[in-house]
């Protein structure tokens, strides 16, 4: 059986060599026929720590590496452009003080 390859967005990079990736999908609600957003959360091995929060990544299914980790990072499809608001505020505050 071939291994699944999916694309998702990194939502957490706080762990060493591990990323939390969300895969969004639309599901048709049976009774009303309305499409509802659903998500699947995967924990991914990122050996070189190349991805960060907001990046779109391609992952592949693999053997279990820990209790939750069952995916490996293939490549970073596109880099995210998240802005660190706390760092901007600190820089602005330092500029006002001086």
PDB file of N, CA and C in Angstrom:
ATOM      1  N   UNK A   1       0.836  -1.177   0.000  1.00  0.00           N
ATOM      2  CA  UNK A   1       0.000   0.000   0.000  1.00  0.00           C
ATOM      3  C   UNK A   1       0.882   1.241   0.000  1.00  0.00           C
ATOM      4  N   UNK A   2       0.650   2.205  -0.899  1.00  0.00           N
ATOM      5  CA  UNK A   2       1.494   3.398  -0.964  1.00  0.00           C
ATOM      6  C   UNK A   2       1.259   4.318   0.233  1.00  0.00           C
ATOM      7  N   UNK A   3       2.298   5.087   0.554  1.00  0.00           N
ATOM      8  CA  UNK A   3       2.198   6.021   1.671  1.00  0.00           C
ATOM      9  C   UNK A   3       1.470   7.280   1.217  1.00  0.00           C
ATOM     10  N   UNK A   4       0.653   7.828   2.113  1.00  0.00           N
ATOM     11  CA  UNK A   4      -0.098   9.034   1.796  1.00  0.00           C
ATOM     12  C   UNK A   4       0.822  10.251   1.842  1.00  0.00           C
ATOM     13  N   UNK A   5       0.615  11.166   0.911  1.00  0.00           N
ATOM     14  CA  UNK A   5       1.326  12.443   0.875  1.00  0.00           C
ATOM     15  C   UNK A   5       0.271  13.537   0.902  1.00  0.00           C
ATOM     16  N   UNK A   6       0.370  14.454   1.884  1.00  0.00           N
ATOM     17  CA  UNK A   6      -0.622  15.517   2.032  1.00  0.00           C
ATOM     18  C   UNK A   6       0.082  16.860   2.241  1.00  0.00           C
ATOM     19  N   UNK A   7      -0.679  17.937   2.075  1.00  0.00           N
ATOM     20  CA  UNK A   7      -0.159  19.289   2.261  1.00  0.00           C
ATOM     21  C   UNK A   7      -0.954  19.946   3.379  1.00  0.00           C
ATOM     22  N   UNK A   8      -0.237  20.596   4.311  1.00  0.00           N
ATOM     23  CA  UNK A   8      -0.883  21.251   5.439  1.00  0.00           C
ATOM     24  C   UNK A   8      -0.108  22.484   5.869  1.00  0.00           C
ATOM     25  N   UNK A   9      -0.591  23.128   6.928  1.00  0.00           N
ATOM     26  CA  UNK A   9       0.017  24.361   7.438  1.00  0.00           C
ATOM     27  C   UNK A   9       0.551  24.106   8.841  1.00  0.00           C
ATOM     28  N   UNK A  10       1.781  24.545   9.102  1.00  0.00           N
ATOM     29  CA  UNK A  10       2.401  24.385  10.417  1.00  0.00           C
ATOM     30  C   UNK A  10       1.739  25.347  11.396  1.00  0.00           C
ATOM     31  N   UNK A  11       1.253  24.808  12.531  1.00  0.00           N
ATOM     32  CA  UNK A  11       0.607  25.649  13.539  1.00  0.00           C
ATOM     33  C   UNK A  11       1.412  25.771  14.816  1.00  0.00           C
ATOM     34  N   UNK A  12       2.431  24.921  15.007  1.00  0.00           N
ATOM     35  CA  UNK A  12       3.271  25.020  16.195  1.00  0.00           C
ATOM     36  C   UNK A  12       4.659  24.483  15.876  1.00  0.00           C
ATOM     37  N   UNK A  13       5.682  25.230  16.348  1.00  0.00           N
ATOM     38  CA  UNK A  13       7.068  24.771  16.183  1.00  0.00           C
ATOM     39  C   UNK A  13       7.828  24.884  17.501  1.00  0.00           C
ATOM     40  N   UNK A  14       7.140  24.700  18.606  1.00  0.00           N
ATOM     41  CA  UNK A  14       7.741  24.869  19.931  1.00  0.00           C
ATOM     42  C   UNK A  14       8.558  23.662  20.378  1.00  0.00           C
ATOM     43  N   UNK A  15       8.357  22.504  19.714  1.00  0.00           N
ATOM     44  CA  UNK A  15       9.078  21.293  20.097  1.00  0.00           C
ATOM     45  C   UNK A  15      10.304  21.111  19.214  1.00  0.00           C
ATOM     46  N   UNK A  16      11.322  20.442  19.744  1.00  0.00           N
ATOM     47  CA  UNK A  16      12.527  20.163  18.968  1.00  0.00           C
ATOM     48  C   UNK A  16      12.230  19.053  17.965  1.00  0.00           C
ATOM     49  N   UNK A  17      12.538  19.302  16.709  1.00  0.00           N
ATOM     50  CA  UNK A  17      12.399  18.332  15.617  1.00  0.00           C
ATOM     51  C   UNK A  17      10.967  17.852  15.394  1.00  0.00           C
ATOM     52  N   UNK A  18       9.972  18.530  15.944  1.00  0.00           N
ATOM     53  CA  UNK A  18       8.580  18.139  15.777  1.00  0.00           C
ATOM     54  C   UNK A  18       7.753  19.367  15.426  1.00  0.00           C
ATOM     55  N   UNK A  19       6.836  19.212  14.488  1.00  0.00           N
ATOM     56  CA  UNK A  19       5.937  20.288  14.095  1.00  0.00           C
ATOM     57  C   UNK A  19       4.501  19.772  14.179  1.00  0.00           C
ATOM     58  N   UNK A  20       3.589  20.679  14.514  1.00  0.00           N
ATOM     59  CA  UNK A  20       2.159  20.364  14.517  1.00  0.00           C
ATOM     60  C   UNK A  20       1.584  20.943  13.236  1.00  0.00           C
ATOM     61  N   UNK A  21       1.027  20.075  12.391  1.00  0.00           N
ATOM     62  CA  UNK A  21       0.525  20.481  11.079  1.00  0.00           C
ATOM     63  C   UNK A  21      -0.977  20.232  11.022  1.00  0.00           C
ATOM     64  N   UNK A  22      -1.716  21.234  10.534  1.00  0.00           N
ATOM     65  CA  UNK A  22      -3.158  21.097  10.357  1.00  0.00           C
ATOM     66  C   UNK A  22      -3.485  20.954   8.881  1.00  0.00           C
ATOM     67  N   UNK A  23      -4.339  19.980   8.574  1.00  0.00           N
ATOM     68  CA  UNK A  23      -4.789  19.743   7.214  1.00  0.00           C
ATOM     69  C   UNK A  23      -6.279  20.084   7.173  1.00  0.00           C
ATOM     70  N   UNK A  24      -6.633  21.136   6.445  1.00  0.00           N
ATOM     71  CA  UNK A  24      -8.029  21.580   6.359  1.00  0.00           C
ATOM     72  C   UNK A  24      -8.733  20.898   5.198  1.00  0.00           C
ATOM     73  N   UNK A  25     -10.049  20.672   5.378  1.00  0.00           N
ATOM     74  CA  UNK A  25     -10.854  20.068   4.328  1.00  0.00           C
ATOM     75  C   UNK A  25     -12.290  20.523   4.490  1.00  0.00           C
ATOM     76  N   UNK A  26     -13.074  20.439   3.428  1.00  0.00           N
ATOM     77  CA  UNK A  26     -14.497  20.756   3.471  1.00  0.00           C
ATOM     78  C   UNK A  26     -15.296  19.461   3.413  1.00  0.00           C
ATOM     79  N   UNK A  27     -16.285  19.343   4.300  1.00  0.00           N
ATOM     80  CA  UNK A  27     -17.126  18.153   4.372  1.00  0.00           C
ATOM     81  C   UNK A  27     -18.575  18.588   4.224  1.00  0.00           C
ATOM     82  N   UNK A  28     -19.325  17.873   3.420  1.00  0.00           N
ATOM     83  CA  UNK A  28     -20.735  18.194   3.232  1.00  0.00           C
ATOM     84  C   UNK A  28     -21.543  17.647   4.408  1.00  0.00           C
ATOM     85  N   UNK A  29     -22.274  18.541   5.078  1.00  0.00           N
ATOM     86  CA  UNK A  29     -23.102  18.149   6.212  1.00  0.00           C
ATOM     87  C   UNK A  29     -24.288  17.348   5.689  1.00  0.00           C
ATOM     88  N   UNK A  30     -24.531  16.135   6.228  1.00  0.00           N
ATOM     89  CA  UNK A  30     -25.518  15.237   5.622  1.00  0.00           C
ATOM     90  C   UNK A  30     -26.949  15.781   5.570  1.00  0.00           C
ATOM     91  N   UNK A  31     -27.415  16.380   6.652  1.00  0.00           N
ATOM     92  CA  UNK A  31     -28.820  16.772   6.722  1.00  0.00           C
ATOM     93  C   UNK A  31     -29.140  18.002   5.880  1.00  0.00           C
ATOM     94  N   UNK A  32     -28.286  19.015   5.950  1.00  0.00           N
ATOM     95  CA  UNK A  32     -28.595  20.282   5.295  1.00  0.00           C
ATOM     96  C   UNK A  32     -27.828  20.515   3.994  1.00  0.00           C
ATOM     97  N   UNK A  33     -26.789  19.735   3.738  1.00  0.00           N
ATOM     98  CA  UNK A  33     -26.041  19.887   2.499  1.00  0.00           C
ATOM     99  C   UNK A  33     -25.049  21.031   2.509  1.00  0.00           C
ATOM    100  N   UNK A  34     -24.905  21.695   3.658  1.00  0.00           N
ATOM    101  CA  UNK A  34     -23.959  22.805   3.777  1.00  0.00           C
ATOM    102  C   UNK A  34     -22.549  22.241   3.951  1.00  0.00           C
ATOM    103  N   UNK A  35     -21.560  22.929   3.396  1.00  0.00           N
ATOM    104  CA  UNK A  35     -20.176  22.513   3.545  1.00  0.00           C
ATOM    105  C   UNK A  35     -19.581  23.117   4.807  1.00  0.00           C
ATOM    106  N   UNK A  36     -18.939  22.271   5.614  1.00  0.00           N
ATOM    107  CA  UNK A  36     -18.381  22.670   6.902  1.00  0.00           C
ATOM    108  C   UNK A  36     -16.874  22.417   6.880  1.00  0.00           C
ATOM    109  N   UNK A  37     -16.109  23.345   7.466  1.00  0.00           N
ATOM    110  CA  UNK A  37     -14.659  23.164   7.534  1.00  0.00           C
ATOM    111  C   UNK A  37     -14.299  22.188   8.647  1.00  0.00           C
ATOM    112  N   UNK A  38     -13.467  21.239   8.333  1.00  0.00           N
ATOM    113  CA  UNK A  38     -12.938  20.285   9.310  1.00  0.00           C
ATOM    114  C   UNK A  38     -11.418  20.309   9.200  1.00  0.00           C
ATOM    115  N   UNK A  39     -10.740  19.835  10.240  1.00  0.00           N
ATOM    116  CA  UNK A  39      -9.278  19.809  10.203  1.00  0.00           C
ATOM    117  C   UNK A  39      -8.770  18.517  10.826  1.00  0.00           C
ATOM    118  N   UNK A  40      -7.607  18.112  10.362  1.00  0.00           N
ATOM    119  CA  UNK A  40      -6.906  16.969  10.909  1.00  0.00           C
ATOM    120  C   UNK A  40      -5.562  17.469  11.415  1.00  0.00           C
ATOM    121  N   UNK A  41      -5.182  17.068  12.613  1.00  0.00           N
ATOM    122  CA  UNK A  41      -3.916  17.499  13.202  1.00  0.00           C
ATOM    123  C   UNK A  41      -2.933  16.338  13.129  1.00  0.00           C
ATOM    124  N   UNK A  42      -1.736  16.613  12.590  1.00  0.00           N
ATOM    125  CA  UNK A  42      -0.685  15.609  12.485  1.00  0.00           C
ATOM    126  C   UNK A  42       0.580  16.150  13.146  1.00  0.00           C
ATOM    127  N   UNK A  43       1.299  15.280  13.817  1.00  0.00           N
ATOM    128  CA  UNK A  43       2.598  15.645  14.366  1.00  0.00           C
ATOM    129  C   UNK A  43       3.657  15.094  13.434  1.00  0.00           C
ATOM    130  N   UNK A  44       4.592  15.972  13.032  1.00  0.00           N
ATOM    131  CA  UNK A  44       5.505  15.683  11.934  1.00  0.00           C
ATOM    132  C   UNK A  44       6.946  15.774  12.408  1.00  0.00           C
ATOM    133  N   UNK A  45       7.791  14.837  11.963  1.00  0.00           N
ATOM    134  CA  UNK A  45       9.220  14.893  12.232  1.00  0.00           C
ATOM    135  C   UNK A  45       9.876  15.858  11.258  1.00  0.00           C
ATOM    136  N   UNK A  46      10.529  16.893  11.798  1.00  0.00           N
ATOM    137  CA  UNK A  46      11.283  17.867  11.005  1.00  0.00           C
ATOM    138  C   UNK A  46      12.720  17.817  11.508  1.00  0.00           C
ATOM    139  N   UNK A  47      13.510  16.937  10.916  1.00  0.00           N
ATOM    140  CA  UNK A  47      14.858  16.634  11.415  1.00  0.00           C
ATOM    141  C   UNK A  47      15.771  17.852  11.453  1.00  0.00           C
ATOM    142  N   UNK A  48      15.726  18.722  10.428  1.00  0.00           N
ATOM    143  CA  UNK A  48      16.639  19.879  10.363  1.00  0.00           C
ATOM    144  C   UNK A  48      16.005  21.171  10.884  1.00  0.00           C
ATOM    145  N   UNK A  49      14.780  21.118  11.399  1.00  0.00           N
ATOM    146  CA  UNK A  49      14.072  22.313  11.893  1.00  0.00           C
ATOM    147  C   UNK A  49      13.995  23.407  10.825  1.00  0.00           C
ATOM    148  N   UNK A  50      13.594  23.053   9.611  1.00  0.00           N
ATOM    149  CA  UNK A  50      13.543  24.024   8.511  1.00  0.00           C
ATOM    150  C   UNK A  50      12.201  24.749   8.423  1.00  0.00           C
ATOM    151  N   UNK A  51      11.145  24.201   9.005  1.00  0.00           N
ATOM    152  CA  UNK A  51       9.830  24.842   8.917  1.00  0.00           C
ATOM    153  C   UNK A  51       9.548  25.663  10.168  1.00  0.00           C
ATOM    154  N   UNK A  52       8.644  26.623  10.019  1.00  0.00           N
ATOM    155  CA  UNK A  52       8.225  27.445  11.151  1.00  0.00           C
ATOM    156  C   UNK A  52       6.726  27.690  11.045  1.00  0.00           C
ATOM    157  N   UNK A  53       6.169  28.387  12.021  1.00  0.00           N
ATOM    158  CA  UNK A  53       4.722  28.611  12.077  1.00  0.00           C
ATOM    159  C   UNK A  53       4.254  29.383  10.842  1.00  0.00           C
ATOM    160  N   UNK A  54       3.177  28.905  10.226  1.00  0.00           N
ATOM    161  CA  UNK A  54       2.610  29.564   9.059  1.00  0.00           C
ATOM    162  C   UNK A  54       3.078  29.005   7.734  1.00  0.00           C
ATOM    163  N   UNK A  55       4.092  28.159   7.731  1.00  0.00           N
ATOM    164  CA  UNK A  55       4.596  27.570   6.491  1.00  0.00           C
ATOM    165  C   UNK A  55       3.634  26.497   5.973  1.00  0.00           C
ATOM    166  N   UNK A  56       3.524  26.409   4.661  1.00  0.00           N
ATOM    167  CA  UNK A  56       2.784  25.325   4.020  1.00  0.00           C
ATOM    168  C   UNK A  56       3.787  24.230   3.698  1.00  0.00           C
ATOM    169  N   UNK A  57       3.522  23.011   4.182  1.00  0.00           N
ATOM    170  CA  UNK A  57       4.490  21.921   4.036  1.00  0.00           C
ATOM    171  C   UNK A  57       3.842  20.696   3.418  1.00  0.00           C
ATOM    172  N   UNK A  58       4.686  19.868   2.811  1.00  0.00           N
ATOM    173  CA  UNK A  58       4.261  18.584   2.271  1.00  0.00           C
ATOM    174  C   UNK A  58       4.809  17.506   3.190  1.00  0.00           C
ATOM    175  N   UNK A  59       3.922  16.593   3.646  1.00  0.00           N
ATOM    176  CA  UNK A  59       4.337  15.554   4.581  1.00  0.00           C
ATOM    177  C   UNK A  59       3.955  14.183   4.036  1.00  0.00           C
ATOM    178  N   UNK A  60       4.654  13.158   4.526  1.00  0.00           N
ATOM    179  CA  UNK A  60       4.413  11.787   4.082  1.00  0.00           C
ATOM    180  C   UNK A  60       4.242  10.886   5.300  1.00  0.00           C
ATOM    181  N   UNK A  61       3.395   9.904   5.153  1.00  0.00           N
ATOM    182  CA  UNK A  61       3.134   8.938   6.212  1.00  0.00           C
ATOM    183  C   UNK A  61       4.383   8.099   6.469  1.00  0.00           C
ATOM    184  N   UNK A  62       4.645   7.735   7.729  1.00  0.00           N
ATOM    185  CA  UNK A  62       5.817   6.916   8.046  1.00  0.00           C
ATOM    186  C   UNK A  62       5.509   6.018   9.244  1.00  0.00           C
ATOM    187  N   UNK A  63       6.503   5.285   9.669  1.00  0.00           N
ATOM    188  CA  UNK A  63       6.332   4.411  10.828  1.00  0.00           C
ATOM    189  C   UNK A  63       6.155   5.264  12.087  1.00  0.00           C
ATOM    190  N   UNK A  64       5.567   4.738  13.148  1.00  0.00           N
ATOM    191  CA  UNK A  64       5.431   5.503  14.384  1.00  0.00           C
ATOM    192  C   UNK A  64       6.797   5.800  15.006  1.00  0.00           C
ATOM    193  N   UNK A  65       7.053   7.083  15.286  1.00  0.00           N
ATOM    194  CA  UNK A  65       8.320   7.489  15.898  1.00  0.00           C
ATOM    195  C   UNK A  65       8.154   7.844  17.367  1.00  0.00           C
ATOM    196  N   UNK A  66       6.926   8.107  17.793  1.00  0.00           N
ATOM    197  CA  UNK A  66       6.610   8.344  19.195  1.00  0.00           C
ATOM    198  C   UNK A  66       5.114   8.099  19.368  1.00  0.00           C
ATOM    199  N   UNK A  67       4.577   8.516  20.504  1.00  0.00           N
ATOM    200  CA  UNK A  67       3.162   8.263  20.777  1.00  0.00           C
ATOM    201  C   UNK A  67       2.249   8.945  19.766  1.00  0.00           C
ATOM    202  N   UNK A  68       2.602  10.147  19.324  1.00  0.00           N
ATOM    203  CA  UNK A  68       1.763  10.903  18.396  1.00  0.00           C
ATOM    204  C   UNK A  68       2.370  11.075  17.001  1.00  0.00           C
ATOM    205  N   UNK A  69       3.673  10.983  16.892  1.00  0.00           N
ATOM    206  CA  UNK A  69       4.369  11.329  15.645  1.00  0.00           C
ATOM    207  C   UNK A  69       4.366  10.163  14.661  1.00  0.00           C
ATOM    208  N   UNK A  70       3.658  10.351  13.518  1.00  0.00           N
ATOM    209  CA  UNK A  70       3.584   9.310  12.491  1.00  0.00           C
ATOM    210  C   UNK A  70       3.759   9.853  11.078  1.00  0.00           C
ATOM    211  N   UNK A  71       4.319  11.051  10.953  1.00  0.00           N
ATOM    212  CA  UNK A  71       4.524  11.687   9.659  1.00  0.00           C
ATOM    213  C   UNK A  71       5.933  12.269   9.593  1.00  0.00           C
ATOM    214  N   UNK A  72       6.448  12.432   8.365  1.00  0.00           N
ATOM    215  CA  UNK A  72       7.757  13.051   8.145  1.00  0.00           C
ATOM    216  C   UNK A  72       7.617  14.194   7.159  1.00  0.00           C
ATOM    217  N   UNK A  73       8.439  15.219   7.345  1.00  0.00           N
ATOM    218  CA  UNK A  73       8.437  16.369   6.456  1.00  0.00           C
ATOM    219  C   UNK A  73       9.152  16.020   5.156  1.00  0.00           C
ATOM    220  N   UNK A  74       8.512  16.313   4.018  1.00  0.00           N
ATOM    221  CA  UNK A  74       9.138  16.098   2.718  1.00  0.00           C
ATOM    222  C   UNK A  74       9.803  17.390   2.260  1.00  0.00           C
ATOM    223  N   UNK A  75       9.009  18.481   2.212  1.00  0.00           N
ATOM    224  CA  UNK A  75       9.559  19.772   1.806  1.00  0.00           C
ATOM    225  C   UNK A  75       8.645  20.896   2.270  1.00  0.00           C
ATOM    226  N   UNK A  76       9.209  22.099   2.306  1.00  0.00           N
ATOM    227  CA  UNK A  76       8.440  23.296   2.604  1.00  0.00           C
ATOM    228  C   UNK A  76       7.954  23.851   1.274  1.00  0.00           C
ATOM    229  N   UNK A  77       6.637  23.861   1.071  1.00  0.00           N
ATOM    230  CA  UNK A  77       6.059  24.320  -0.195  1.00  0.00           C
ATOM    231  C   UNK A  77       6.156  25.836  -0.296  1.00  0.00           C
ATOM    232  N   UNK A  78       5.756  26.546   0.761  1.00  0.00           N
ATOM    233  CA  UNK A  78       5.876  28.005   0.771  1.00  0.00           C
ATOM    234  C   UNK A  78       6.061  28.485   2.202  1.00  0.00           C
ATOM    235  N   UNK A  79       6.835  29.539   2.343  1.00  0.00           N
ATOM    236  CA  UNK A  79       7.096  30.116   3.653  1.00  0.00           C
ATOM    237  C   UNK A  79       5.932  30.991   4.065  1.00  0.00           C
ATOM    238  N   UNK A  80       5.620  30.990   5.354  1.00  0.00           N
ATOM    239  CA  UNK A  80       4.559  31.838   5.885  1.00  0.00           C
ATOM    240  C   UNK A  80       5.079  33.240   6.121  1.00  0.00           C
ATOM    241  N   UNK A  81       4.170  34.204   6.183  1.00  0.00           N
ATOM    242  CA  UNK A  81       4.585  35.585   6.419  1.00  0.00           C
ATOM    243  C   UNK A  81       3.903  36.117   7.674  1.00  0.00           C
ATOM    244  N   UNK A  82       4.072  35.383   8.789  1.00  0.00           N
ATOM    245  CA  UNK A  82       3.519  35.822  10.056  1.00  0.00           C
ATOM    246  C   UNK A  82       4.413  36.886  10.670  1.00  0.00           C
ATOM    247  N   UNK A  83       3.798  37.858  11.336  1.00  0.00           N
ATOM    248  CA  UNK A  83       4.537  38.958  11.939  1.00  0.00           C
ATOM    249  C   UNK A  83       4.510  38.782  13.452  1.00  0.00           C
ATOM    250  N   UNK A  84       5.680  38.925  14.088  1.00  0.00           N
ATOM    251  CA  UNK A  84       5.779  38.830  15.535  1.00  0.00           C
ATOM    252  C   UNK A  84       5.399  40.184  16.130  1.00  0.00           C
ATOM    253  N   UNK A  85       4.169  40.288  16.609  1.00  0.00           N
ATOM    254  CA  UNK A  85       3.641  41.557  17.114  1.00  0.00           C
ATOM    255  C   UNK A  85       4.387  41.996  18.373  1.00  0.00           C
ATOM    256  N   UNK A  86       4.724  41.047  19.240  1.00  0.00           N
ATOM    257  CA  UNK A  86       5.425  41.391  20.477  1.00  0.00           C
ATOM    258  C   UNK A  86       6.792  42.009  20.176  1.00  0.00           C
ATOM    259  N   UNK A  87       7.498  41.471  19.190  1.00  0.00           N
ATOM    260  CA  UNK A  87       8.805  42.017  18.823  1.00  0.00           C
ATOM    261  C   UNK A  87       8.665  43.413  18.226  1.00  0.00           C
ATOM    262  N   UNK A  88       7.623  43.647  17.426  1.00  0.00           N
ATOM    263  CA  UNK A  88       7.397  44.979  16.857  1.00  0.00           C
ATOM    264  C   UNK A  88       7.093  46.008  17.937  1.00  0.00           C
ATOM    265  N   UNK A  89       6.272  45.616  18.916  1.00  0.00           N
ATOM    266  CA  UNK A  89       5.956  46.532  20.010  1.00  0.00           C
ATOM    267  C   UNK A  89       7.195  46.850  20.839  1.00  0.00           C
ATOM    268  N   UNK A  90       8.024  45.837  21.115  1.00  0.00           N
ATOM    269  CA  UNK A  90       9.241  46.066  21.878  1.00  0.00           C
ATOM    270  C   UNK A  90      10.190  46.987  21.132  1.00  0.00           C
ATOM    271  N   UNK A  91      10.301  46.818  19.820  1.00  0.00           N
ATOM    272  CA  UNK A  91      11.168  47.686  19.012  1.00  0.00           C
ATOM    273  C   UNK A  91      10.642  49.121  18.997  1.00  0.00           C
ATOM    274  N   UNK A  92       9.322  49.265  18.907  1.00  0.00           N
ATOM    275  CA  UNK A  92       8.723  50.608  18.906  1.00  0.00           C
ATOM    276  C   UNK A  92       8.918  51.273  20.266  1.00  0.00           C
ATOM    277  N   UNK A  93       8.798  50.507  21.331  1.00  0.00           N
ATOM    278  CA  UNK A  93       8.980  51.060  22.672  1.00  0.00           C
ATOM    279  C   UNK A  93      10.430  51.506  22.879  1.00  0.00           C
ATOM    280  N   UNK A  94      11.394  50.702  22.392  1.00  0.00           N
ATOM    281  CA  UNK A  94      12.807  51.081  22.488  1.00  0.00           C
ATOM    282  C   UNK A  94      13.078  52.354  21.699  1.00  0.00           C
ATOM    283  N   UNK A  95      12.421  52.509  20.571  1.00  0.00           N
ATOM    284  CA  UNK A  95      12.583  53.713  19.748  1.00  0.00           C
ATOM    285  C   UNK A  95      12.047  54.952  20.457  1.00  0.00           C
ATOM    286  N   UNK A  96      10.955  54.803  21.209  1.00  0.00           N
ATOM    287  CA  UNK A  96      10.382  55.937  21.934  1.00  0.00           C
ATOM    288  C   UNK A  96      11.243  56.357  23.114  1.00  0.00           C
ATOM    289  N   UNK A  97      11.855  55.389  23.786  1.00  0.00           N
ATOM    290  CA  UNK A  97      12.670  55.663  24.968  1.00  0.00           C
ATOM    291  C   UNK A  97      13.929  56.434  24.591  1.00  0.00           C
ATOM    292  N   UNK A  98      14.549  56.074  23.496  1.00  0.00           N
ATOM    293  CA  UNK A  98      15.811  56.702  23.114  1.00  0.00           C
ATOM    294  C   UNK A  98      15.653  58.011  22.433  1.00  0.00           C
TER     295      UNK A  98
END
